[in-house]
PDB file of N, CA and C in Angstrom:
ATOM      1  N   UNK A   1     -36.667 -43.273 100.099  1.00  0.00           N
ATOM      2  CA  UNK A   1     -36.208 -42.123 100.806  1.00  0.00           C
ATOM      3  C   UNK A   1     -37.443 -41.251 101.594  1.00  0.00           C
ATOM      4  N   UNK A   2     -36.995 -40.931 103.461  1.00  0.00           N
ATOM      5  CA  UNK A   2     -38.466 -40.256 104.140  1.00  0.00           C
ATOM      6  C   UNK A   2     -38.186 -39.543 103.568  1.00  0.00           C
ATOM      7  N   UNK A   3     -39.143 -38.377 102.850  1.00  0.00           N
ATOM      8  CA  UNK A   3     -39.521 -37.362 102.843  1.00  0.00           C
ATOM      9  C   UNK A   3     -39.167 -36.268 103.878  1.00  0.00           C
ATOM     10  N   UNK A   4     -38.488 -35.331 104.073  1.00  0.00           N
ATOM     11  CA  UNK A   4     -38.840 -34.049 105.007  1.00  0.00           C
ATOM     12  C   UNK A   4     -37.648 -34.269 106.567  1.00  0.00           C
ATOM     13  N   UNK A   5     -36.796 -35.550 106.166  1.00  0.00           N
ATOM     14  CA  UNK A   5     -36.290 -35.963 107.282  1.00  0.00           C
ATOM     15  C   UNK A   5     -34.915 -35.623 107.348  1.00  0.00           C
ATOM     16  N   UNK A   6     -34.339 -34.387 106.286  1.00  0.00           N
ATOM     17  CA  UNK A   6     -33.079 -34.270 105.607  1.00  0.00           C
ATOM     18  C   UNK A   6     -32.959 -32.776 106.847  1.00  0.00           C
ATOM     19  N   UNK A   7     -32.386 -32.126 106.645  1.00  0.00           N
ATOM     20  CA  UNK A   7     -31.922 -30.835 107.220  1.00  0.00           C
ATOM     21  C   UNK A   7     -31.696 -29.320 105.863  1.00  0.00           C
ATOM     22  N   UNK A   8     -31.527 -28.494 105.843  1.00  0.00           N
ATOM     23  CA  UNK A   8     -32.410 -27.812 104.241  1.00  0.00           C
ATOM     24  C   UNK A   8     -31.121 -26.521 104.133  1.00  0.00           C
ATOM     25  N   UNK A   9     -30.244 -26.399 105.027  1.00  0.00           N
ATOM     26  CA  UNK A   9     -29.641 -25.053 105.749  1.00  0.00           C
ATOM     27  C   UNK A   9     -28.179 -25.986 105.679  1.00  0.00           C
ATOM     28  N   UNK A  10     -27.982 -26.067 104.739  1.00  0.00           N
ATOM     29  CA  UNK A  10     -26.781 -26.947 104.122  1.00  0.00           C
ATOM     30  C   UNK A  10     -25.567 -25.650 103.528  1.00  0.00           C
ATOM     31  N   UNK A  11     -24.576 -25.983 103.783  1.00  0.00           N
ATOM     32  CA  UNK A  11     -23.630 -24.852 103.365  1.00  0.00           C
ATOM     33  C   UNK A  11     -21.923 -25.051 103.625  1.00  0.00           C
ATOM     34  N   UNK A  12     -21.169 -24.137 102.654  1.00  0.00           N
ATOM     35  CA  UNK A  12     -20.258 -23.751 102.398  1.00  0.00           C
ATOM     36  C   UNK A  12     -19.479 -24.021 104.072  1.00  0.00           C
ATOM     37  N   UNK A  13     -18.600 -25.060 105.383  1.00  0.00           N
ATOM     38  CA  UNK A  13     -18.254 -24.332 105.978  1.00  0.00           C
ATOM     39  C   UNK A  13     -16.534 -24.527 106.129  1.00  0.00           C
ATOM     40  N   UNK A  14     -16.387 -24.173 107.119  1.00  0.00           N
ATOM     41  CA  UNK A  14     -13.878 -24.228 107.658  1.00  0.00           C
ATOM     42  C   UNK A  14     -14.367 -25.249 108.152  1.00  0.00           C
ATOM     43  N   UNK A  15     -13.387 -26.301 108.744  1.00  0.00           N
ATOM     44  CA  UNK A  15     -13.232 -26.995 109.994  1.00  0.00           C
ATOM     45  C   UNK A  15     -11.498 -27.088 109.537  1.00  0.00           C
ATOM     46  N   UNK A  16     -11.771 -26.444 110.957  1.00  0.00           N
ATOM     47  CA  UNK A  16      -9.971 -25.881 111.583  1.00  0.00           C
ATOM     48  C   UNK A  16      -9.019 -26.802 112.433  1.00  0.00           C
ATOM     49  N   UNK A  17      -8.647 -27.771 111.619  1.00  0.00           N
ATOM     50  CA  UNK A  17      -7.830 -28.902 113.379  1.00  0.00           C
ATOM     51  C   UNK A  17      -7.144 -28.013 114.464  1.00  0.00           C
ATOM     52  N   UNK A  18      -7.154 -27.906 115.211  1.00  0.00           N
ATOM     53  CA  UNK A  18      -6.514 -27.527 116.012  1.00  0.00           C
ATOM     54  C   UNK A  18      -5.128 -27.434 116.672  1.00  0.00           C
ATOM     55  N   UNK A  19      -4.931 -28.710 116.070  1.00  0.00           N
ATOM     56  CA  UNK A  19      -3.921 -29.092 116.937  1.00  0.00           C
ATOM     57  C   UNK A  19      -2.288 -28.886 115.183  1.00  0.00           C
ATOM     58  N   UNK A  20      -2.549 -29.130 113.973  1.00  0.00           N
ATOM     59  CA  UNK A  20      -1.910 -28.691 113.505  1.00  0.00           C
ATOM     60  C   UNK A  20      -2.039 -28.003 112.535  1.00  0.00           C
ATOM     61  N   UNK A  21      -3.406 -27.317 112.744  1.00  0.00           N
ATOM     62  CA  UNK A  21      -3.873 -25.352 111.808  1.00  0.00           C
ATOM     63  C   UNK A  21      -3.965 -26.434 110.377  1.00  0.00           C
ATOM     64  N   UNK A  22      -4.710 -27.068 109.743  1.00  0.00           N
ATOM     65  CA  UNK A  22      -5.235 -27.139 108.839  1.00  0.00           C
ATOM     66  C   UNK A  22      -6.769 -27.771 108.495  1.00  0.00           C
ATOM     67  N   UNK A  23      -7.191 -27.089 107.745  1.00  0.00           N
ATOM     68  CA  UNK A  23      -8.696 -26.284 107.095  1.00  0.00           C
ATOM     69  C   UNK A  23      -8.405 -26.997 105.901  1.00  0.00           C
ATOM     70  N   UNK A  24     -10.068 -27.660 106.545  1.00  0.00           N
ATOM     71  CA  UNK A  24     -11.009 -28.821 105.482  1.00  0.00           C
ATOM     72  C   UNK A  24     -12.400 -27.954 105.206  1.00  0.00           C
ATOM     73  N   UNK A  25     -12.741 -27.245 103.816  1.00  0.00           N
ATOM     74  CA  UNK A  25     -13.669 -27.150 103.581  1.00  0.00           C
ATOM     75  C   UNK A  25     -14.400 -27.845 103.306  1.00  0.00           C
ATOM     76  N   UNK A  26     -16.288 -28.171 103.620  1.00  0.00           N
ATOM     77  CA  UNK A  26     -16.845 -29.128 103.381  1.00  0.00           C
ATOM     78  C   UNK A  26     -18.039 -28.518 103.689  1.00  0.00           C
ATOM     79  N   UNK A  27     -19.808 -29.119 103.114  1.00  0.00           N
ATOM     80  CA  UNK A  27     -20.599 -28.603 103.086  1.00  0.00           C
ATOM     81  C   UNK A  27     -21.046 -28.940 104.744  1.00  0.00           C
ATOM     82  N   UNK A  28     -22.057 -27.986 105.150  1.00  0.00           N
ATOM     83  CA  UNK A  28     -22.145 -29.225 106.655  1.00  0.00           C
ATOM     84  C   UNK A  28     -23.505 -28.111 106.584  1.00  0.00           C
ATOM     85  N   UNK A  29     -24.229 -28.499 108.293  1.00  0.00           N
ATOM     86  CA  UNK A  29     -25.769 -27.698 108.506  1.00  0.00           C
ATOM     87  C   UNK A  29     -24.757 -27.488 110.166  1.00  0.00           C
ATOM     88  N   UNK A  30     -23.669 -27.823 110.241  1.00  0.00           N
ATOM     89  CA  UNK A  30     -22.659 -26.951 112.176  1.00  0.00           C
ATOM     90  C   UNK A  30     -23.752 -25.516 111.954  1.00  0.00           C
ATOM     91  N   UNK A  31     -23.934 -25.475 113.592  1.00  0.00           N
ATOM     92  CA  UNK A  31     -23.977 -23.678 113.423  1.00  0.00           C
ATOM     93  C   UNK A  31     -21.923 -23.959 113.887  1.00  0.00           C
ATOM     94  N   UNK A  32     -22.569 -22.441 113.840  1.00  0.00           N
ATOM     95  CA  UNK A  32     -20.632 -22.091 114.084  1.00  0.00           C
ATOM     96  C   UNK A  32     -20.932 -20.497 114.001  1.00  0.00           C
ATOM     97  N   UNK A  33     -20.386 -20.043 115.246  1.00  0.00           N
ATOM     98  CA  UNK A  33     -20.221 -18.330 115.639  1.00  0.00           C
ATOM     99  C   UNK A  33     -19.418 -17.666 115.370  1.00  0.00           C
ATOM    100  N   UNK A  34     -17.839 -18.089 114.320  1.00  0.00           N
ATOM    101  CA  UNK A  34     -17.364 -17.499 114.477  1.00  0.00           C
ATOM    102  C   UNK A  34     -16.945 -18.117 112.396  1.00  0.00           C
ATOM    103  N   UNK A  35     -16.309 -16.747 112.575  1.00  0.00           N
ATOM    104  CA  UNK A  35     -15.257 -17.055 110.886  1.00  0.00           C
ATOM    105  C   UNK A  35     -14.636 -16.958 109.874  1.00  0.00           C
ATOM    106  N   UNK A  36     -13.709 -17.422 108.929  1.00  0.00           N
ATOM    107  CA  UNK A  36     -12.692 -17.506 108.614  1.00  0.00           C
ATOM    108  C   UNK A  36     -12.952 -16.692 106.874  1.00  0.00           C
ATOM    109  N   UNK A  37     -11.571 -15.820 107.070  1.00  0.00           N
ATOM    110  CA  UNK A  37     -10.978 -16.324 104.889  1.00  0.00           C
ATOM    111  C   UNK A  37     -10.105 -17.227 104.713  1.00  0.00           C
ATOM    112  N   UNK A  38     -10.225 -18.203 103.539  1.00  0.00           N
ATOM    113  CA  UNK A  38      -9.775 -18.324 102.555  1.00  0.00           C
ATOM    114  C   UNK A  38      -9.825 -18.992 101.504  1.00  0.00           C
ATOM    115  N   UNK A  39      -8.860 -18.194 100.814  1.00  0.00           N
ATOM    116  CA  UNK A  39      -8.226 -17.897  99.717  1.00  0.00           C
ATOM    117  C   UNK A  39      -9.165 -16.135  99.089  1.00  0.00           C
ATOM    118  N   UNK A  40      -9.676 -15.682  99.795  1.00  0.00           N
ATOM    119  CA  UNK A  40     -10.566 -14.763  99.611  1.00  0.00           C
ATOM    120  C   UNK A  40     -12.274 -14.759 100.008  1.00  0.00           C
ATOM    121  N   UNK A  41     -11.888 -16.121 100.613  1.00  0.00           N
ATOM    122  CA  UNK A  41     -13.507 -16.047 100.573  1.00  0.00           C
ATOM    123  C   UNK A  41     -14.114 -16.770 102.008  1.00  0.00           C
ATOM    124  N   UNK A  42     -15.305 -15.775 102.514  1.00  0.00           N
ATOM    125  CA  UNK A  42     -15.379 -15.782 104.475  1.00  0.00           C
ATOM    126  C   UNK A  42     -16.205 -17.158 104.160  1.00  0.00           C
ATOM    127  N   UNK A  43     -15.663 -17.814 105.014  1.00  0.00           N
ATOM    128  CA  UNK A  43     -16.717 -19.201 105.907  1.00  0.00           C
ATOM    129  C   UNK A  43     -16.351 -19.661 107.454  1.00  0.00           C
ATOM    130  N   UNK A  44     -17.795 -19.555 107.876  1.00  0.00           N
ATOM    131  CA  UNK A  44     -17.944 -20.120 108.796  1.00  0.00           C
ATOM    132  C   UNK A  44     -17.193 -20.917 109.112  1.00  0.00           C
ATOM    133  N   UNK A  45     -16.235 -20.706 110.976  1.00  0.00           N
ATOM    134  CA  UNK A  45     -15.684 -21.473 110.864  1.00  0.00           C
ATOM    135  C   UNK A  45     -15.808 -22.772 111.748  1.00  0.00           C
ATOM    136  N   UNK A  46     -15.415 -23.919 111.963  1.00  0.00           N
ATOM    137  CA  UNK A  46     -15.666 -25.015 112.964  1.00  0.00           C
ATOM    138  C   UNK A  46     -14.314 -25.328 114.090  1.00  0.00           C
ATOM    139  N   UNK A  47     -13.613 -25.054 114.590  1.00  0.00           N
ATOM    140  CA  UNK A  47     -12.591 -25.234 115.183  1.00  0.00           C
ATOM    141  C   UNK A  47     -13.139 -26.937 115.917  1.00  0.00           C
ATOM    142  N   UNK A  48     -11.156 -27.863 115.881  1.00  0.00           N
ATOM    143  CA  UNK A  48     -11.971 -29.028 116.160  1.00  0.00           C
ATOM    144  C   UNK A  48     -10.614 -29.986 117.279  1.00  0.00           C
ATOM    145  N   UNK A  49     -10.214 -30.245 117.635  1.00  0.00           N
ATOM    146  CA  UNK A  49      -9.289 -30.799 118.840  1.00  0.00           C
ATOM    147  C   UNK A  49      -8.300 -32.007 118.050  1.00  0.00           C
ATOM    148  N   UNK A  50      -8.831 -32.364 116.644  1.00  0.00           N
ATOM    149  CA  UNK A  50      -8.278 -33.720 116.293  1.00  0.00           C
ATOM    150  C   UNK A  50      -8.936 -33.997 115.274  1.00  0.00           C
ATOM    151  N   UNK A  51      -7.868 -34.281 113.713  1.00  0.00           N
ATOM    152  CA  UNK A  51      -8.677 -34.866 112.834  1.00  0.00           C
ATOM    153  C   UNK A  51      -7.657 -35.547 111.936  1.00  0.00           C
ATOM    154  N   UNK A  52      -8.152 -36.209 111.407  1.00  0.00           N
ATOM    155  CA  UNK A  52      -8.341 -37.261 110.457  1.00  0.00           C
ATOM    156  C   UNK A  52      -6.165 -37.338 109.849  1.00  0.00           C
ATOM    157  N   UNK A  53      -6.090 -35.352 110.015  1.00  0.00           N
ATOM    158  CA  UNK A  53      -4.425 -34.977 109.923  1.00  0.00           C
ATOM    159  C   UNK A  53      -3.883 -34.895 110.699  1.00  0.00           C
ATOM    160  N   UNK A  54      -4.160 -34.981 112.022  1.00  0.00           N
ATOM    161  CA  UNK A  54      -3.391 -35.095 113.102  1.00  0.00           C
ATOM    162  C   UNK A  54      -3.916 -36.137 113.607  1.00  0.00           C
ATOM    163  N   UNK A  55      -4.809 -37.284 113.478  1.00  0.00           N
ATOM    164  CA  UNK A  55      -4.731 -38.264 114.307  1.00  0.00           C
ATOM    165  C   UNK A  55      -3.608 -39.566 114.577  1.00  0.00           C
ATOM    166  N   UNK A  56      -3.507 -40.258 115.741  1.00  0.00           N
ATOM    167  CA  UNK A  56      -2.430 -41.095 115.202  1.00  0.00           C
ATOM    168  C   UNK A  56      -2.699 -42.024 114.132  1.00  0.00           C
ATOM    169  N   UNK A  57      -4.096 -42.295 114.193  1.00  0.00           N
ATOM    170  CA  UNK A  57      -4.463 -43.840 113.554  1.00  0.00           C
ATOM    171  C   UNK A  57      -3.665 -43.455 112.183  1.00  0.00           C
ATOM    172  N   UNK A  58      -4.238 -42.256 111.210  1.00  0.00           N
ATOM    173  CA  UNK A  58      -4.161 -41.860 110.284  1.00  0.00           C
ATOM    174  C   UNK A  58      -2.952 -41.697 109.917  1.00  0.00           C
ATOM    175  N   UNK A  59      -2.196 -41.000 111.360  1.00  0.00           N
ATOM    176  CA  UNK A  59      -0.771 -40.308 110.640  1.00  0.00           C
ATOM    177  C   UNK A  59       0.031 -41.245 110.555  1.00  0.00           C
ATOM    178  N   UNK A  60       0.053 -42.027 111.829  1.00  0.00           N
ATOM    179  CA  UNK A  60       1.095 -43.498 111.335  1.00  0.00           C
ATOM    180  C   UNK A  60       2.105 -42.982 113.132  1.00  0.00           C
ATOM    181  N   UNK A  61       2.111 -42.361 113.458  1.00  0.00           N
ATOM    182  CA  UNK A  61       2.681 -40.839 114.515  1.00  0.00           C
ATOM    183  C   UNK A  61       2.068 -41.166 115.896  1.00  0.00           C
ATOM    184  N   UNK A  62       3.011 -42.174 117.067  1.00  0.00           N
ATOM    185  CA  UNK A  62       2.419 -42.107 118.459  1.00  0.00           C
ATOM    186  C   UNK A  62       2.329 -40.594 118.486  1.00  0.00           C
ATOM    187  N   UNK A  63       1.124 -39.586 119.749  1.00  0.00           N
ATOM    188  CA  UNK A  63       1.625 -38.745 120.216  1.00  0.00           C
ATOM    189  C   UNK A  63       0.937 -38.595 121.524  1.00  0.00           C
ATOM    190  N   UNK A  64       0.847 -38.507 122.528  1.00  0.00           N
ATOM    191  CA  UNK A  64      -0.041 -37.860 123.601  1.00  0.00           C
ATOM    192  C   UNK A  64      -1.119 -37.149 122.692  1.00  0.00           C
ATOM    193  N   UNK A  65      -1.859 -36.918 122.550  1.00  0.00           N
ATOM    194  CA  UNK A  65      -2.449 -35.488 122.319  1.00  0.00           C
ATOM    195  C   UNK A  65      -4.225 -35.092 123.812  1.00  0.00           C
ATOM    196  N   UNK A  66      -3.171 -34.463 124.665  1.00  0.00           N
ATOM    197  CA  UNK A  66      -3.706 -33.516 125.291  1.00  0.00           C
ATOM    198  C   UNK A  66      -3.999 -32.039 125.351  1.00  0.00           C
ATOM    199  N   UNK A  67      -5.720 -32.582 125.252  1.00  0.00           N
ATOM    200  CA  UNK A  67      -6.896 -31.629 125.333  1.00  0.00           C
ATOM    201  C   UNK A  67      -7.340 -30.972 126.549  1.00  0.00           C
ATOM    202  N   UNK A  68      -7.097 -29.551 126.314  1.00  0.00           N
ATOM    203  CA  UNK A  68      -7.427 -28.748 128.186  1.00  0.00           C
ATOM    204  C   UNK A  68      -5.942 -29.055 128.846  1.00  0.00           C
ATOM    205  N   UNK A  69      -4.828 -29.940 129.161  1.00  0.00           N
ATOM    206  CA  UNK A  69      -4.518 -29.795 130.303  1.00  0.00           C
ATOM    207  C   UNK A  69      -5.120 -31.235 130.675  1.00  0.00           C
ATOM    208  N   UNK A  70      -5.881 -32.648 130.355  1.00  0.00           N
ATOM    209  CA  UNK A  70      -6.419 -33.127 130.805  1.00  0.00           C
ATOM    210  C   UNK A  70      -5.211 -33.558 131.667  1.00  0.00           C
ATOM    211  N   UNK A  71      -4.210 -34.579 131.328  1.00  0.00           N
ATOM    212  CA  UNK A  71      -3.730 -35.059 131.817  1.00  0.00           C
ATOM    213  C   UNK A  71      -3.097 -35.030 132.753  1.00  0.00           C
ATOM    214  N   UNK A  72      -2.700 -33.515 132.877  1.00  0.00           N
ATOM    215  CA  UNK A  72      -2.323 -32.392 133.973  1.00  0.00           C
ATOM    216  C   UNK A  72      -3.049 -32.495 135.485  1.00  0.00           C
ATOM    217  N   UNK A  73      -4.356 -32.166 134.536  1.00  0.00           N
ATOM    218  CA  UNK A  73      -5.515 -32.194 135.596  1.00  0.00           C
ATOM    219  C   UNK A  73      -5.927 -33.837 136.612  1.00  0.00           C
ATOM    220  N   UNK A  74      -5.992 -34.524 135.949  1.00  0.00           N
ATOM    221  CA  UNK A  74      -5.915 -35.720 136.484  1.00  0.00           C
ATOM    222  C   UNK A  74      -4.833 -35.714 137.545  1.00  0.00           C
ATOM    223  N   UNK A  75      -3.041 -35.232 136.928  1.00  0.00           N
ATOM    224  CA  UNK A  75      -2.593 -35.789 137.720  1.00  0.00           C
ATOM    225  C   UNK A  75      -2.557 -34.951 138.559  1.00  0.00           C
ATOM    226  N   UNK A  76      -2.644 -33.476 139.081  1.00  0.00           N
ATOM    227  CA  UNK A  76      -3.334 -33.151 139.852  1.00  0.00           C
ATOM    228  C   UNK A  76      -4.078 -33.673 140.914  1.00  0.00           C
ATOM    229  N   UNK A  77      -5.156 -34.836 140.165  1.00  0.00           N
ATOM    230  CA  UNK A  77      -6.003 -34.989 141.200  1.00  0.00           C
ATOM    231  C   UNK A  77      -5.805 -36.186 142.090  1.00  0.00           C
ATOM    232  N   UNK A  78      -5.117 -37.183 141.341  1.00  0.00           N
ATOM    233  CA  UNK A  78      -4.656 -38.178 141.903  1.00  0.00           C
ATOM    234  C   UNK A  78      -3.313 -38.055 142.867  1.00  0.00           C
ATOM    235  N   UNK A  79      -2.412 -36.680 142.544  1.00  0.00           N
ATOM    236  CA  UNK A  79      -1.388 -36.666 142.843  1.00  0.00           C
ATOM    237  C   UNK A  79      -0.968 -37.622 144.567  1.00  0.00           C
ATOM    238  N   UNK A  80      -1.296 -37.474 145.723  1.00  0.00           N
ATOM    239  CA  UNK A  80      -1.629 -38.008 146.438  1.00  0.00           C
ATOM    240  C   UNK A  80      -1.448 -39.086 146.734  1.00  0.00           C
ATOM    241  N   UNK A  81      -2.871 -39.313 146.162  1.00  0.00           N
ATOM    242  CA  UNK A  81      -2.734 -40.829 145.737  1.00  0.00           C
ATOM    243  C   UNK A  81      -1.571 -42.491 145.421  1.00  0.00           C
ATOM    244  N   UNK A  82      -1.024 -41.550 143.966  1.00  0.00           N
ATOM    245  CA  UNK A  82      -0.012 -42.113 143.289  1.00  0.00           C
ATOM    246  C   UNK A  82       1.564 -41.625 144.557  1.00  0.00           C
ATOM    247  N   UNK A  83       1.782 -41.055 145.084  1.00  0.00           N
ATOM    248  CA  UNK A  83       2.881 -40.651 145.966  1.00  0.00           C
ATOM    249  C   UNK A  83       2.830 -42.091 147.270  1.00  0.00           C
ATOM    250  N   UNK A  84       1.481 -42.314 147.202  1.00  0.00           N
ATOM    251  CA  UNK A  84       0.923 -42.940 148.727  1.00  0.00           C
ATOM    252  C   UNK A  84       1.379 -44.324 147.622  1.00  0.00           C
ATOM    253  N   UNK A  85       2.005 -44.902 146.773  1.00  0.00           N
ATOM    254  CA  UNK A  85       2.011 -45.890 146.601  1.00  0.00           C
ATOM    255  C   UNK A  85       3.721 -45.984 146.700  1.00  0.00           C
ATOM    256  N   UNK A  86       4.871 -44.858 147.301  1.00  0.00           N
ATOM    257  CA  UNK A  86       6.098 -45.433 147.198  1.00  0.00           C
ATOM    258  C   UNK A  86       6.100 -46.098 148.254  1.00  0.00           C
TER     259      UNK A  86
END
C-alpha cells in the first residue's frame, strides 16, 4: 500500500438523512459547518438528501424523491411545450 496518500483528519461525523431524519455516525474526513448533539455528544453534521435508509431500492417502497422542487421547476419551465401537445 502506498504511504502518504490517505488523509490524516478522520473523526466521527454524524450523517443525517433529511428525508427521514435518521442519523448515522461513522468516521469521515468530510468538512462540515454544523454540529448536532447525539446522546449528549456533539458531532460535526453532514446533511444528506437520501441514504440507504430512505432510497427506494433498499426500502422496497417506490416514492418520488423531489429535492428542492426539481419536478416543479421542470414542469414550470416546459409548461408551454406540454400544453401545445394537447
